[in-house]
Protein backbone atom coordinates (compact mmCIF):
# COMPACT_ATOMS: atom_id res chain seq x y z
CA UNK A 1 220.68 -27.81 150.31
CA UNK A 2 222.01 -24.70 148.57
CA UNK A 3 221.93 -24.68 144.76
CA UNK A 4 223.43 -22.35 142.15
CA UNK A 5 222.02 -22.22 138.61
CA UNK A 6 224.04 -20.45 135.93
CA UNK A 7 221.78 -19.14 133.18
CA UNK A 8 218.85 -19.54 135.57
CA UNK A 9 216.82 -16.76 133.93
CA UNK A 10 216.76 -18.55 130.56
CA UNK A 11 214.36 -20.97 128.91
CA UNK A 12 215.36 -24.16 130.75
CA UNK A 13 216.37 -22.23 133.87
CA UNK A 14 212.89 -20.79 134.32
CA UNK A 15 211.33 -24.26 134.43
CA UNK A 16 214.08 -25.63 136.67
CA UNK A 17 213.78 -22.79 139.20
CA UNK A 18 210.05 -23.46 139.46
CA UNK A 19 210.78 -27.06 140.47
CA UNK A 20 213.69 -26.36 142.82
CA UNK A 21 211.98 -23.72 144.96
CA UNK A 22 209.11 -26.12 145.71
CA UNK A 23 211.53 -28.69 147.12
CA UNK A 24 211.52 -28.61 150.92
CA UNK A 25 215.10 -29.89 151.02
CA UNK A 26 216.35 -26.85 149.09
CA UNK A 27 217.19 -23.94 151.37
CA UNK A 28 218.38 -21.45 148.74
CA UNK A 29 218.50 -21.17 144.95
CA UNK A 30 221.01 -18.70 143.50
CA UNK A 31 220.25 -17.55 139.96
CA UNK A 32 223.56 -16.55 138.37
CA UNK A 33 222.85 -14.89 135.02
CA UNK A 34 224.20 -11.94 133.05
CA UNK A 35 220.78 -11.31 131.41
CA UNK A 36 222.45 -11.09 128.00
CA UNK A 37 219.24 -12.29 126.34
CA UNK A 38 217.38 -9.35 127.97
CA UNK A 39 214.71 -11.84 129.00
CA UNK A 40 213.17 -10.74 132.29
CA UNK A 41 210.13 -13.01 132.29
CA UNK A 42 211.37 -15.13 135.19
CA UNK A 43 211.17 -12.06 137.40
CA UNK A 44 207.60 -11.10 136.46
CA UNK A 45 204.09 -12.32 137.26
CA UNK A 46 202.73 -13.69 140.48
CA UNK A 47 205.35 -13.97 143.25
CA UNK A 48 206.64 -17.43 144.07
CA UNK A 49 205.20 -18.56 147.42
CA UNK A 50 208.75 -19.73 148.19
CA UNK A 51 210.32 -16.56 146.80
CA UNK A 52 212.41 -15.99 149.92
CA UNK A 53 214.52 -18.97 148.82
CA UNK A 54 215.62 -17.24 145.62
CA UNK A 55 218.59 -14.91 145.27
CA UNK A 56 219.56 -13.29 141.99
CA UNK A 57 223.15 -12.44 141.09
CA UNK A 58 223.87 -10.66 137.83
CA UNK A 59 227.25 -11.97 136.77
CA UNK A 60 229.31 -13.36 133.90
CA UNK A 61 230.91 -16.78 133.74
CA UNK A 62 234.27 -15.14 133.06
CA UNK A 63 234.07 -13.21 136.35
CA UNK A 64 235.95 -15.81 138.39
CA UNK A 65 236.00 -13.74 141.60
CA UNK A 66 232.22 -13.32 141.63
CA UNK A 67 231.73 -17.01 140.77
CA UNK A 68 233.90 -18.16 143.67
CA UNK A 69 232.18 -15.83 146.10
CA UNK A 70 228.73 -17.13 145.20
CA UNK A 71 229.77 -20.79 145.34
CA UNK A 72 230.36 -20.56 149.08
CA UNK A 73 228.17 -23.14 150.81
CA UNK A 74 226.71 -24.44 147.53
CA UNK A 75 226.20 -28.21 147.22
CA UNK A 76 224.85 -28.52 143.67
CA UNK A 77 225.63 -26.46 140.57
CA UNK A 78 223.51 -26.52 137.43
CA UNK A 79 225.44 -25.06 134.51
CA UNK A 80 222.84 -23.92 131.97
CA UNK A 81 224.44 -20.63 130.89
CA UNK A 82 225.46 -20.69 127.24
CA UNK A 83 225.53 -18.80 124.02
CA UNK A 84 222.88 -20.79 122.17
CA UNK A 85 221.93 -21.21 118.53
CA UNK A 86 219.77 -23.44 116.40
CA UNK A 87 221.35 -26.91 115.97
CA UNK A 88 223.09 -26.43 112.63
CA UNK A 89 223.69 -22.68 112.62
CA UNK A 90 227.36 -21.84 112.17
CA UNK A 91 227.74 -18.19 113.17
CA UNK A 92 229.09 -16.10 116.05
CA UNK A 93 232.05 -18.39 116.72
CA UNK A 94 233.83 -15.92 119.00
CA UNK A 95 230.92 -15.66 121.44
CA UNK A 96 230.36 -19.41 121.46
CA UNK A 97 234.03 -19.94 122.28
CA UNK A 98 234.11 -17.25 124.97
CA UNK A 99 230.95 -18.33 126.78
CA UNK A 100 230.51 -22.05 126.13
CA UNK A 101 234.17 -23.02 126.21
CA UNK A 102 236.11 -20.58 128.37
CA UNK A 103 233.13 -19.61 130.50
CA UNK A 104 232.64 -23.27 131.38
CA UNK A 105 236.36 -23.56 132.10
CA UNK A 106 236.15 -20.67 134.59
CA UNK A 107 233.19 -22.28 136.32
CA UNK A 108 235.03 -25.60 136.58
CA UNK A 109 238.08 -23.86 138.09
CA UNK A 110 235.82 -22.19 140.64
CA UNK A 111 234.06 -25.45 141.48
CA UNK A 112 237.44 -27.12 142.03
CA UNK A 113 238.15 -24.64 144.83
CA UNK A 114 234.74 -25.06 146.45
CA UNK A 115 232.77 -27.60 148.49
CA UNK A 116 230.40 -28.37 145.60
CA UNK A 117 229.37 -32.04 145.56
CA UNK A 118 227.57 -32.24 142.22
CA UNK A 119 227.93 -30.45 138.86
CA UNK A 120 225.23 -30.83 136.20
CA UNK A 121 225.99 -29.46 132.72
CA UNK A 122 223.45 -29.12 129.92
CA UNK A 123 225.17 -29.88 126.66
CA UNK A 124 223.61 -30.48 123.24
CA UNK A 125 223.10 -33.24 120.72
CA UNK A 126 224.88 -30.83 118.36
CA UNK A 127 228.15 -32.34 119.60
CA UNK A 128 227.37 -35.43 117.49
CA UNK A 129 227.33 -33.43 114.28
CA UNK A 130 225.14 -34.72 111.47
CA UNK A 131 224.23 -38.36 110.96
CA UNK A 132 221.58 -40.44 109.23
CA UNK A 133 222.15 -43.33 111.65
CA UNK A 134 220.61 -43.43 115.13
CA UNK A 135 223.14 -42.09 117.64
CA UNK A 136 223.62 -43.03 121.29
CA UNK A 137 226.05 -42.17 124.07
CA UNK A 138 228.64 -44.65 122.81
CA UNK A 139 229.04 -42.81 119.51
CA UNK A 140 231.99 -40.47 119.11
CA UNK A 141 231.15 -36.75 118.99
CA UNK A 142 231.85 -35.13 115.65
CA UNK A 143 230.56 -31.55 115.84
CA UNK A 144 230.17 -29.70 112.55
CA UNK A 145 229.29 -26.24 113.85
CA UNK A 146 231.03 -23.65 115.99
CA UNK A 147 228.26 -24.06 118.56
CA UNK A 148 228.68 -27.84 118.72
CA UNK A 149 232.45 -27.54 119.00
CA UNK A 150 232.17 -25.05 121.88
CA UNK A 151 229.72 -27.27 123.78
CA UNK A 152 232.00 -30.30 123.38
CA UNK A 153 234.94 -28.31 124.74
CA UNK A 154 232.78 -27.33 127.69
CA UNK A 155 232.03 -31.01 128.28
CA UNK A 156 235.74 -31.80 128.41
CA UNK A 157 236.26 -29.27 131.19
CA UNK A 158 233.32 -30.62 133.21
CA UNK A 159 234.34 -34.27 132.87
CA UNK A 160 237.78 -33.42 134.21
CA UNK A 161 236.10 -33.33 137.65
CA UNK A 162 234.37 -36.71 137.46
CA UNK A 163 236.84 -38.38 139.83
CA UNK A 164 236.42 -35.65 142.45
CA UNK A 165 232.65 -35.09 142.51
CA UNK A 166 229.48 -36.23 140.80
CA UNK A 167 229.45 -34.77 137.30
CA UNK A 168 226.70 -35.12 134.71
CA UNK A 169 226.77 -34.04 131.08
CA UNK A 170 223.21 -34.03 129.74
CA UNK A 171 223.08 -33.81 125.95
CA UNK A 172 219.72 -32.30 125.10
CA UNK A 173 217.74 -32.64 121.91
CA UNK A 174 215.98 -29.61 120.43
CA UNK A 175 214.02 -28.27 123.41
CA UNK A 176 210.42 -27.17 122.83
CA UNK A 177 207.27 -26.38 124.80
CA UNK A 178 205.78 -23.46 126.65
CA UNK A 179 207.17 -21.54 129.54
CA UNK A 180 207.25 -17.79 130.06
CA UNK A 181 210.95 -17.50 129.11
CA UNK A 182 210.73 -19.67 126.02
CA UNK A 183 212.89 -19.32 122.94
CA UNK A 184 211.17 -18.73 119.63
CA UNK A 185 214.19 -19.64 117.52
CA UNK A 186 213.55 -23.32 118.37
CA UNK A 187 211.78 -24.87 115.38
CA UNK A 188 208.60 -26.22 117.03
CA UNK A 189 208.13 -23.10 119.15
CA UNK A 190 208.54 -20.89 116.09
CA UNK A 191 206.12 -23.03 114.08
CA UNK A 192 203.52 -22.78 116.85
CA UNK A 193 203.76 -18.99 117.00
CA UNK A 194 203.56 -18.56 113.23
CA UNK A 195 200.74 -21.09 112.85
CA UNK A 196 198.67 -19.50 115.59
CA UNK A 197 199.11 -15.83 114.75
CA UNK A 198 199.99 -15.81 111.01
CA UNK A 199 198.39 -19.04 109.77
CA UNK A 200 201.54 -19.66 107.75
CA UNK A 201 204.84 -21.34 108.49
CA UNK A 202 208.12 -21.38 106.55
CA UNK A 203 210.01 -24.66 106.15
CA UNK A 204 213.74 -24.64 105.44
CA UNK A 205 214.81 -27.23 102.88
CA UNK A 206 212.44 -30.04 101.86
CA UNK A 207 211.24 -30.76 105.40
CA UNK A 208 212.44 -34.36 105.33
CA UNK A 209 215.40 -33.70 107.62
CA UNK A 210 215.31 -35.45 111.01
CA UNK A 211 215.73 -33.70 114.34
CA UNK A 212 215.88 -34.97 117.94
CA UNK A 213 213.38 -33.26 120.27
CA UNK A 214 212.76 -33.05 124.01
CA UNK A 215 209.96 -31.25 125.84
CA UNK A 216 211.01 -28.59 128.34
CA UNK A 217 208.97 -30.35 131.05
CA UNK A 218 211.00 -33.54 130.52
CA UNK A 219 214.17 -31.50 130.95
CA UNK A 220 212.83 -29.91 134.14
CA UNK A 221 211.88 -33.29 135.59
CA UNK A 222 215.24 -34.91 134.95
CA UNK A 223 217.40 -31.97 135.98
CA UNK A 224 215.54 -31.26 139.21
CA UNK A 225 215.75 -34.90 140.29
CA UNK A 226 219.44 -35.17 139.45
CA UNK A 227 220.11 -33.14 142.59
CA UNK A 228 219.18 -36.32 144.52
CA UNK A 229 219.51 -39.26 142.17
CA UNK A 230 222.58 -41.33 142.89
CA UNK A 231 223.46 -42.32 139.35
CA UNK A 232 226.97 -42.74 137.96
CA UNK A 233 228.82 -39.69 136.72
CA UNK A 234 228.92 -39.53 132.95
CA UNK A 235 227.30 -38.48 129.70
CA UNK A 236 223.56 -38.96 129.10
CA UNK A 237 221.36 -38.13 126.14
CA UNK A 238 218.00 -36.56 126.94
CA UNK A 239 215.64 -36.95 123.98
CA UNK A 240 211.90 -37.70 123.82
CA UNK A 241 211.57 -38.45 120.12
CA UNK A 242 212.99 -38.05 116.63
CA UNK A 243 210.83 -36.41 113.99
CA UNK A 244 211.10 -35.23 110.43
CA UNK A 245 210.11 -31.59 110.10
CA UNK A 246 207.20 -32.67 107.91
CA UNK A 247 205.97 -34.87 110.79
CA UNK A 248 205.65 -31.71 112.89
CA UNK A 249 203.85 -29.96 110.03
CA UNK A 250 201.34 -32.82 109.78
CA UNK A 251 200.44 -32.44 113.45
CA UNK A 252 200.14 -28.67 113.10
CA UNK A 253 197.72 -29.14 110.19
CA UNK A 254 195.49 -31.22 112.46
CA UNK A 255 195.47 -28.42 115.03
CA UNK A 256 195.20 -25.58 112.47
CA UNK A 257 193.31 -27.07 109.46
CA UNK A 258 193.63 -23.88 107.37
CA UNK A 259 197.41 -23.69 107.89
CA UNK A 260 199.51 -22.62 104.91
CA UNK A 261 203.18 -23.48 104.53
CA UNK A 262 205.93 -22.51 102.16
CA UNK A 263 209.32 -24.10 101.49
CA UNK A 264 212.50 -22.02 101.48
CA UNK A 265 215.44 -23.39 99.45
CA UNK A 266 213.54 -26.63 98.97
CA UNK A 267 216.32 -28.00 96.75
CA UNK A 268 218.86 -27.98 99.59
CA UNK A 269 219.73 -31.18 101.44
CA UNK A 270 220.02 -29.93 105.03
CA UNK A 271 221.91 -31.56 107.87
CA UNK A 272 219.99 -33.93 110.10
CA UNK A 273 220.41 -36.01 113.24
CA UNK A 274 218.59 -38.78 115.09
CA UNK A 275 219.44 -39.55 118.70
CA UNK A 276 218.29 -42.68 120.49
CA UNK A 277 215.64 -41.59 123.04
CA UNK A 278 216.86 -41.53 126.63
CA UNK A 279 217.43 -45.29 127.04
CA UNK A 280 220.06 -45.03 129.80
CA UNK A 281 218.29 -42.27 131.73
CA UNK A 282 215.01 -44.20 131.67
CA UNK A 283 216.62 -46.78 133.95
CA UNK A 284 216.67 -44.06 136.62
CA UNK A 285 213.61 -42.08 135.50
CA UNK A 286 211.05 -44.71 134.47
CA UNK A 287 208.24 -42.17 134.08
CA UNK A 288 209.89 -40.08 131.37
CA UNK A 289 207.31 -41.02 128.73
CA UNK A 290 205.26 -37.96 127.83
CA UNK A 291 202.07 -37.18 125.92
CA UNK A 292 202.08 -37.54 122.17
CA UNK A 293 203.12 -34.52 120.14
CA UNK A 294 199.56 -33.43 119.31
CA UNK A 295 198.57 -33.35 122.99
CA UNK A 296 201.72 -31.37 123.82
CA UNK A 297 201.06 -28.82 121.08
CA UNK A 298 197.38 -28.49 122.03
CA UNK A 299 198.50 -27.68 125.58
CA UNK A 300 200.97 -25.18 124.11
CA UNK A 301 198.14 -23.56 122.10
CA UNK A 302 196.17 -22.94 125.29
CA UNK A 303 198.96 -20.66 126.57
CA UNK A 304 198.55 -18.11 123.80
CA UNK A 305 196.80 -14.95 124.98
CA UNK A 306 194.50 -14.66 121.96
């Protein structure tokens, strides 16, 4: 099986590549990435024992000719490439539209002219907007940010293919957890860094806002198995748990008893969202349950160099 991963050098891509190259049924993994985040960690460290399976292509989603060329012989496409932001940030609309909307459209056009059998797209719970009620896949998207709008438009392009090939839209919660290409703009990852090295964290708003979270290892497990799982095409939420920001702070205080924290704009009522944990996906992945948050963050702590 030949697999192409757009955005394969990113946070989620790094974990996914690690899983795919170990699979004996995978003959080649093509990492298609423009390296816009200037994150080269995937390429460093000890060589993969299966490194001969990996091929890197530096390319943009809007380069339709290069996309089509590299889709030759590919059976499964993971579309991870995106201009990302924190869930409720509302900046850089042009880049979100170019990459997340029109870049996805170009990929879909290229897939239409290929022999690809399965397309897996990582979307975001940001497409739901803000809500105090628990949200599931049956709820109508109502994005409130430029990022959320661009991801929803990307979904629409992907789902246009659902009658021709297996298509999966996976709406992720706020991804956290260690890997060597991790993002430190994600709230839990940033808290861990600041707690460990500065002994102080900054909390936006009053900390009572809810967020939906998913561990990067959960994402790796589900995405890697989707290459084989015969589940219906459609939209699936991938969320481990919902937490208030202060819940995360409480766990951090157990791990770092001397931790200090300050509130920024504490008077502001910030947007929030709760997403029903992966009820539908658990029918196909019954072992999705992970460690509790404290165990996950203790494991994270062990990855710091000092």
